[in-house]
Amino acid sequence: DAIMQNLVLKCENLHKSFRKKEILKNVSLEVCSGDILGFIGPNGAGKTTTIKLILGLQKIDSGKVIINGYDIQKDFEKAIAKVGAIIENPDLYMYMSGYDNLKLISNLYPNVDLKRIEEVIDLVGLRNRIDDKVSKYSLGMRQRLGVAQAILHKPNLLILDEPTNGLDPEGIKDLRELLIRLAKEEGMGILISSHNLAELESFCNKVSIIKNGSIMETSDLETVKKEASEGNYIIEVDDARKARMAIGDMANAKDNTHIEVHSDRENIPNVIKRLVLQDVKVYSITEDIMSLEDAFLRKTGGNVID
């Protein structure tokens, strides 16, 4: 039963239509504590609609959302009790300090004391700017203050809709480090939606791809990358042309000193042997692991990301 306890969010066969147009078809996904699930797809694919159904902001046509064992449609208060979320941009009062923004939100929750506010300030790394007005914050700092608000009440599920939009590389790096910490140290399950695969690749451990309202693919990151990259090796040699001639069609010369080989792992020692027997010097061999983006484009046949 330990596995069940670990499951913080379960969406089962969600359907949603607006004026006869089906926006979501049979969407299912799961988040466990400590997971960072990248929920990825082009704009208009149904990401935000799914998130609104999860948070009870829109009515579910059919299907179920279970959070911490509670059905959002039957037990809304209990289901939503340990959820934190930022949808679009965090709502902040610009003329107030970061601290006062947090203080204001803390009043909404019975169990958030001043000690927790201090804890959260350190968690999100805003200690030295917390007394400044939010209007003086960079976009990345506002985003982190938004996360601080969302986690005040110690949720175990955090939902972020396109949180990297408009952030510069430094802001993205800060957010990434923060989310990894929350997943590890606070054991939160995190659902983060984006249309930018390359950005999420660096901090998600699972990925769900949605396209035209249907989930096309769900898996853990390493598996997807491994599967897609299987059988691609780069071999560094002294003479790529000579190497190419030694092993024939399964090799492409990438430049003067590198060849690319498509082959099963089992066959690689033979490839090397053939090179060596033909007096080709072999300096290194690496498995060419694709980026997540390439892996998905290959898998889903075409452009997942608009």
Protein backbone atom coordinates (compact mmCIF):
# COMPACT_ATOMS: atom_id res chain seq x y z
CA ASP A 1 0.00 0.00 0.00
CA ALA A 2 3.04 2.26 0.25
CA ILE A 3 2.78 2.87 -3.47
CA MET A 4 -0.77 4.13 -3.10
CA GLN A 5 0.20 6.55 -0.34
CA ASN A 6 2.87 7.92 -2.57
CA LEU A 7 0.35 8.84 -5.27
CA VAL A 8 -0.66 12.47 -4.77
CA LEU A 9 -2.52 13.08 -8.03
CA LYS A 10 -4.40 10.74 -10.30
CA CYS A 11 -6.38 11.90 -13.33
CA GLU A 12 -8.47 9.20 -14.91
CA ASN A 13 -10.01 9.42 -18.39
CA LEU A 14 -10.82 13.12 -18.25
CA HIS A 15 -13.15 14.43 -20.94
CA LYS A 16 -14.11 18.04 -21.48
CA SER A 17 -16.01 19.73 -24.27
CA PHE A 18 -16.85 23.37 -24.91
CA ARG A 19 -19.81 23.96 -27.22
CA LYS A 20 -19.62 20.51 -28.81
CA LYS A 21 -15.88 20.81 -29.39
CA GLU A 22 -14.00 18.12 -27.52
CA ILE A 23 -11.02 19.76 -25.79
CA LEU A 24 -9.88 16.79 -23.71
CA LYS A 25 -10.24 13.18 -24.79
CA ASN A 26 -9.50 10.57 -22.22
CA VAL A 27 -6.66 12.30 -20.39
CA SER A 28 -4.98 10.25 -17.66
CA LEU A 29 -1.87 11.11 -15.68
CA GLU A 30 -0.30 10.47 -12.29
CA VAL A 31 2.05 12.35 -9.99
CA CYS A 32 3.77 10.75 -6.99
CA SER A 33 5.47 12.60 -4.18
CA GLY A 34 8.98 13.61 -5.20
CA ASP A 35 8.06 13.50 -8.91
CA ILE A 36 8.44 16.44 -11.22
CA LEU A 37 6.13 15.66 -14.12
CA GLY A 38 6.58 17.77 -17.24
CA PHE A 39 3.19 18.19 -18.88
CA ILE A 40 4.13 19.14 -22.39
CA GLY A 41 2.38 20.02 -25.60
CA PRO A 42 1.72 22.81 -28.08
CA ASN A 43 -0.38 25.79 -27.08
CA GLY A 44 -4.04 24.88 -27.36
CA ALA A 45 -3.42 21.15 -26.80
CA GLY A 46 -5.40 21.10 -23.54
CA LYS A 47 -2.76 21.67 -20.86
CA THR A 48 -4.45 24.59 -19.12
CA THR A 49 -7.89 22.95 -19.37
CA THR A 50 -6.52 19.82 -17.69
CA ILE A 51 -5.03 21.91 -14.91
CA LYS A 52 -8.29 23.78 -14.39
CA LEU A 53 -10.14 20.47 -14.06
CA ILE A 54 -7.57 19.24 -11.54
CA LEU A 55 -8.03 22.37 -9.45
CA GLY A 56 -11.82 22.28 -9.65
CA LEU A 57 -11.90 25.56 -11.59
CA GLN A 58 -13.95 23.97 -14.36
CA LYS A 59 -16.52 21.22 -14.38
CA ILE A 60 -15.42 17.75 -15.46
CA ASP A 61 -17.67 16.22 -18.16
CA SER A 62 -16.53 12.70 -17.35
CA GLY A 63 -13.57 11.07 -15.67
CA LYS A 64 -12.04 11.60 -12.26
CA VAL A 65 -9.47 13.68 -10.44
CA ILE A 66 -8.20 12.13 -7.22
CA ILE A 67 -5.87 14.19 -5.02
CA ASN A 68 -4.41 12.55 -1.94
CA GLY A 69 -7.14 9.94 -2.13
CA TYR A 70 -10.02 12.44 -2.33
CA ASP A 71 -12.25 12.90 -5.36
CA ILE A 72 -12.26 16.57 -6.40
CA GLN A 73 -15.92 16.34 -7.42
CA LYS A 74 -17.15 14.71 -4.22
CA ASP A 75 -14.75 16.03 -1.59
CA PHE A 76 -13.51 19.32 -2.94
CA GLU A 77 -12.34 20.83 0.36
CA LYS A 78 -10.32 17.78 1.37
CA ALA A 79 -8.94 17.19 -2.11
CA ILE A 80 -7.71 20.75 -2.52
CA ALA A 81 -6.40 21.15 1.04
CA LYS A 82 -2.81 20.18 0.21
CA VAL A 83 -2.53 21.67 -3.26
CA GLY A 84 -0.55 24.76 -4.22
CA ALA A 85 -0.81 26.30 -7.66
CA ILE A 86 0.29 29.15 -9.87
CA ILE A 87 -1.85 29.59 -12.94
CA GLU A 88 -0.63 32.16 -15.47
CA ASN A 89 1.19 34.82 -13.46
CA PRO A 90 1.19 34.80 -9.67
CA ASP A 91 -1.18 37.37 -8.17
CA LEU A 92 1.01 39.81 -6.32
CA TYR A 93 0.45 43.24 -4.85
CA MET A 94 3.12 45.35 -6.50
CA TYR A 95 3.05 48.22 -3.99
CA MET A 96 3.62 45.88 -1.04
CA SER A 97 6.81 44.15 0.03
CA GLY A 98 7.41 40.50 -0.65
CA TYR A 99 7.01 39.84 3.05
CA ASP A 100 3.66 41.61 3.27
CA ASN A 101 2.41 39.67 0.27
CA LEU A 102 3.24 36.43 2.07
CA LYS A 103 1.75 37.70 5.33
CA LEU A 104 -1.49 38.52 3.54
CA ILE A 105 -1.77 35.05 1.97
CA SER A 106 -0.87 33.38 5.26
CA ASN A 107 -4.07 34.80 6.76
CA LEU A 108 -6.06 32.55 4.44
CA TYR A 109 -4.69 29.46 6.15
CA PRO A 110 -5.33 28.52 9.77
CA ASN A 111 -2.05 26.69 10.25
CA VAL A 112 0.54 29.06 8.75
CA ASP A 113 2.52 30.86 11.44
CA LEU A 114 5.32 33.42 11.18
CA LYS A 115 7.89 30.66 11.50
CA ARG A 116 6.57 29.01 8.33
CA ILE A 117 6.73 32.34 6.49
CA GLU A 118 10.42 32.63 7.43
CA GLU A 119 11.04 29.03 6.37
CA VAL A 120 9.47 29.60 2.96
CA ILE A 121 11.44 32.82 2.38
CA ASP A 122 14.66 30.83 2.80
CA LEU A 123 13.37 27.92 0.73
CA VAL A 124 12.74 30.12 -2.31
CA GLY A 125 15.92 32.13 -1.79
CA LEU A 126 14.44 35.60 -1.36
CA ARG A 127 15.92 36.35 2.07
CA ASN A 128 17.82 39.50 1.14
CA ARG A 129 15.06 41.08 -0.96
CA ILE A 130 11.97 40.13 1.01
CA ASP A 131 11.38 43.63 2.42
CA ASP A 132 11.58 45.32 -0.99
CA LYS A 133 8.47 46.26 -2.89
CA VAL A 134 7.44 43.61 -5.40
CA SER A 135 7.44 46.28 -8.13
CA LYS A 136 11.24 46.30 -7.80
CA TYR A 137 11.50 42.51 -8.32
CA SER A 138 12.68 40.88 -11.52
CA LEU A 139 10.26 38.52 -13.23
CA GLY A 140 12.18 35.53 -11.87
CA MET A 141 11.92 36.85 -8.30
CA ARG A 142 8.20 37.40 -8.70
CA GLN A 143 7.87 33.85 -9.90
CA ARG A 144 9.72 32.60 -6.82
CA LEU A 145 7.54 34.74 -4.56
CA GLY A 146 4.57 33.16 -6.32
CA VAL A 147 5.93 29.72 -5.49
CA ALA A 148 6.47 30.88 -1.88
CA GLN A 149 2.79 31.84 -1.66
CA ALA A 150 1.74 28.56 -3.21
CA ILE A 151 3.71 26.45 -0.70
CA LEU A 152 2.98 28.37 2.54
CA HIS A 153 0.44 25.79 3.70
CA LYS A 154 2.83 22.86 3.05
CA PRO A 155 1.04 21.33 0.08
CA ASN A 156 2.25 17.97 -1.20
CA LEU A 157 1.10 18.74 -4.75
CA LEU A 158 2.34 21.84 -6.55
CA ILE A 159 0.92 22.78 -9.95
CA LEU A 160 2.59 25.33 -12.18
CA ASP A 161 1.17 26.41 -15.53
CA GLU A 162 3.88 27.65 -17.95
CA PRO A 163 6.03 29.00 -15.10
CA THR A 164 9.05 29.67 -17.31
CA ASN A 165 7.22 32.01 -19.69
CA GLY A 166 9.16 35.21 -20.08
CA LEU A 167 11.94 34.21 -17.67
CA ASP A 168 15.56 34.80 -18.61
CA PRO A 169 18.06 31.92 -18.34
CA GLU A 170 19.01 32.90 -14.81
CA GLY A 171 15.37 33.02 -13.73
CA ILE A 172 14.83 29.58 -15.24
CA LYS A 173 17.89 28.20 -13.48
CA ASP A 174 16.69 29.57 -10.11
CA LEU A 175 13.23 28.13 -10.62
CA ARG A 176 14.68 24.78 -11.65
CA GLU A 177 16.87 24.57 -8.55
CA LEU A 178 13.93 25.56 -6.36
CA LEU A 179 11.61 22.92 -7.80
CA ILE A 180 14.22 20.18 -7.52
CA ARG A 181 14.66 21.15 -3.86
CA LEU A 182 10.94 21.12 -3.17
CA ALA A 183 10.60 17.69 -4.73
CA LYS A 184 13.58 16.30 -2.83
CA GLU A 185 13.44 18.04 0.54
CA GLU A 186 9.73 18.63 0.98
CA GLY A 187 8.74 15.49 -0.94
CA MET A 188 6.29 17.45 -3.08
CA GLY A 189 4.81 16.06 -6.25
CA ILE A 190 5.08 18.77 -8.90
CA LEU A 191 3.12 19.09 -12.14
CA ILE A 192 4.61 21.65 -14.47
CA SER A 193 3.13 22.47 -17.85
CA SER A 194 5.06 23.96 -20.73
CA HIS A 195 5.36 24.00 -24.48
CA ASN A 196 9.11 24.21 -24.14
CA LEU A 197 10.58 20.74 -23.96
CA ALA A 198 14.21 21.75 -23.95
CA GLU A 199 13.63 23.87 -20.85
CA LEU A 200 11.85 21.19 -18.84
CA GLU A 201 14.20 18.44 -19.82
CA SER A 202 16.74 19.57 -17.27
CA PHE A 203 14.53 19.10 -14.24
CA CYS A 204 11.65 16.69 -14.85
CA ASN A 205 11.93 13.00 -14.12
CA LYS A 206 8.69 12.14 -15.93
CA VAL A 207 6.98 13.50 -18.97
CA SER A 208 3.44 13.46 -20.32
CA ILE A 209 2.92 14.70 -23.86
CA ILE A 210 -0.51 16.02 -24.83
CA LYS A 211 -1.52 16.76 -28.40
CA ASN A 212 -4.99 17.75 -29.59
CA GLY A 213 -6.48 16.88 -26.23
CA SER A 214 -5.04 13.36 -26.03
CA ILE A 215 -2.07 12.06 -24.10
CA MET A 216 0.33 10.63 -26.65
CA GLU A 217 3.06 9.42 -24.42
CA THR A 218 3.90 9.18 -20.74
CA SER A 219 7.12 7.85 -19.40
CA ASP A 220 10.12 8.59 -17.33
CA LEU A 221 12.63 10.79 -18.99
CA GLU A 222 15.64 8.52 -19.12
CA THR A 223 13.64 5.72 -20.75
CA VAL A 224 12.35 7.99 -23.49
CA LYS A 225 15.79 9.33 -24.24
CA LYS A 226 17.37 5.87 -24.13
CA GLU A 227 14.76 4.30 -26.38
CA ALA A 228 14.98 7.03 -28.94
CA SER A 229 18.74 7.10 -28.97
CA GLU A 230 19.32 3.39 -29.04
CA GLY A 231 21.85 2.26 -31.54
CA ASN A 232 23.49 5.58 -32.24
CA TYR A 233 27.25 5.70 -31.59
CA ILE A 234 29.91 8.26 -32.38
CA ILE A 235 33.39 6.84 -32.88
CA GLU A 236 36.43 9.10 -32.90
CA VAL A 237 39.10 7.87 -35.31
CA ASP A 238 42.23 9.15 -37.04
CA ASP A 239 40.69 9.00 -40.51
CA ALA A 240 36.93 9.00 -40.98
CA ARG A 241 37.07 8.13 -44.70
CA LYS A 242 39.19 5.10 -44.08
CA ALA A 243 36.95 4.07 -41.18
CA ARG A 244 33.87 4.44 -43.33
CA MET A 245 35.38 2.17 -45.94
CA ALA A 246 36.32 -0.39 -43.32
CA ILE A 247 32.80 -0.83 -41.99
CA GLY A 248 30.61 0.14 -44.90
CA ASP A 249 27.00 1.23 -44.93
CA MET A 250 26.17 1.45 -41.28
CA ALA A 251 28.62 4.30 -40.85
CA ASN A 252 28.43 7.97 -41.78
CA ALA A 253 31.43 10.26 -41.66
CA LYS A 254 30.48 13.23 -39.48
CA ASP A 255 33.74 15.09 -40.07
CA ASN A 256 37.37 14.09 -40.73
CA THR A 257 37.79 12.32 -37.41
CA HIS A 258 34.32 11.17 -36.35
CA ILE A 259 31.99 8.55 -37.75
CA GLU A 260 28.44 7.87 -36.72
CA VAL A 261 27.39 4.23 -36.49
CA HIS A 262 23.89 2.76 -36.27
CA SER A 263 24.19 -0.58 -34.61
CA ASP A 264 23.04 -2.83 -31.76
CA ARG A 265 25.17 -2.60 -28.69
CA GLU A 266 26.12 -6.27 -29.10
CA ASN A 267 27.64 -5.57 -32.47
CA ILE A 268 29.85 -2.66 -31.40
CA PRO A 269 32.90 -4.79 -30.43
CA ASN A 270 32.88 -6.26 -33.97
CA VAL A 271 32.76 -2.79 -35.46
CA ILE A 272 35.79 -1.77 -33.41
CA LYS A 273 37.61 -4.96 -34.30
CA ARG A 274 37.06 -4.31 -38.00
CA LEU A 275 38.39 -0.79 -37.64
CA VAL A 276 41.48 -1.95 -35.77
CA LEU A 277 42.18 -4.73 -38.28
CA GLN A 278 42.08 -2.12 -41.07
CA ASP A 279 44.64 -0.04 -39.16
CA VAL A 280 42.17 2.67 -38.23
CA LYS A 281 43.10 4.26 -34.90
CA VAL A 282 40.10 4.33 -32.52
CA TYR A 283 40.29 7.05 -29.84
CA SER A 284 36.87 7.01 -28.25
CA ILE A 285 33.34 5.79 -28.63
CA THR A 286 30.27 7.41 -27.15
CA GLU A 287 26.63 6.57 -27.22
CA ASP A 288 24.82 9.49 -28.76
CA ILE A 289 21.98 10.25 -26.35
CA MET A 290 19.44 12.48 -28.00
CA SER A 291 17.92 15.52 -26.46
CA LEU A 292 14.42 15.03 -25.13
CA GLU A 293 13.08 17.24 -27.87
CA ASP A 294 14.59 15.13 -30.65
CA ALA A 295 13.46 11.96 -28.92
CA PHE A 296 9.85 13.08 -28.83
CA LEU A 297 9.84 14.46 -32.33
CA ARG A 298 11.12 11.11 -33.52
CA LYS A 299 8.56 9.23 -31.44
CA THR A 300 5.50 11.27 -32.21
CA GLY A 301 6.38 11.68 -35.85
CA GLY A 302 6.52 15.37 -36.46
CA ASN A 303 6.50 18.55 -34.54
CA VAL A 304 5.04 18.16 -31.06
CA ILE A 305 6.11 21.59 -30.03
CA ASP A 306 4.70 24.38 -32.12
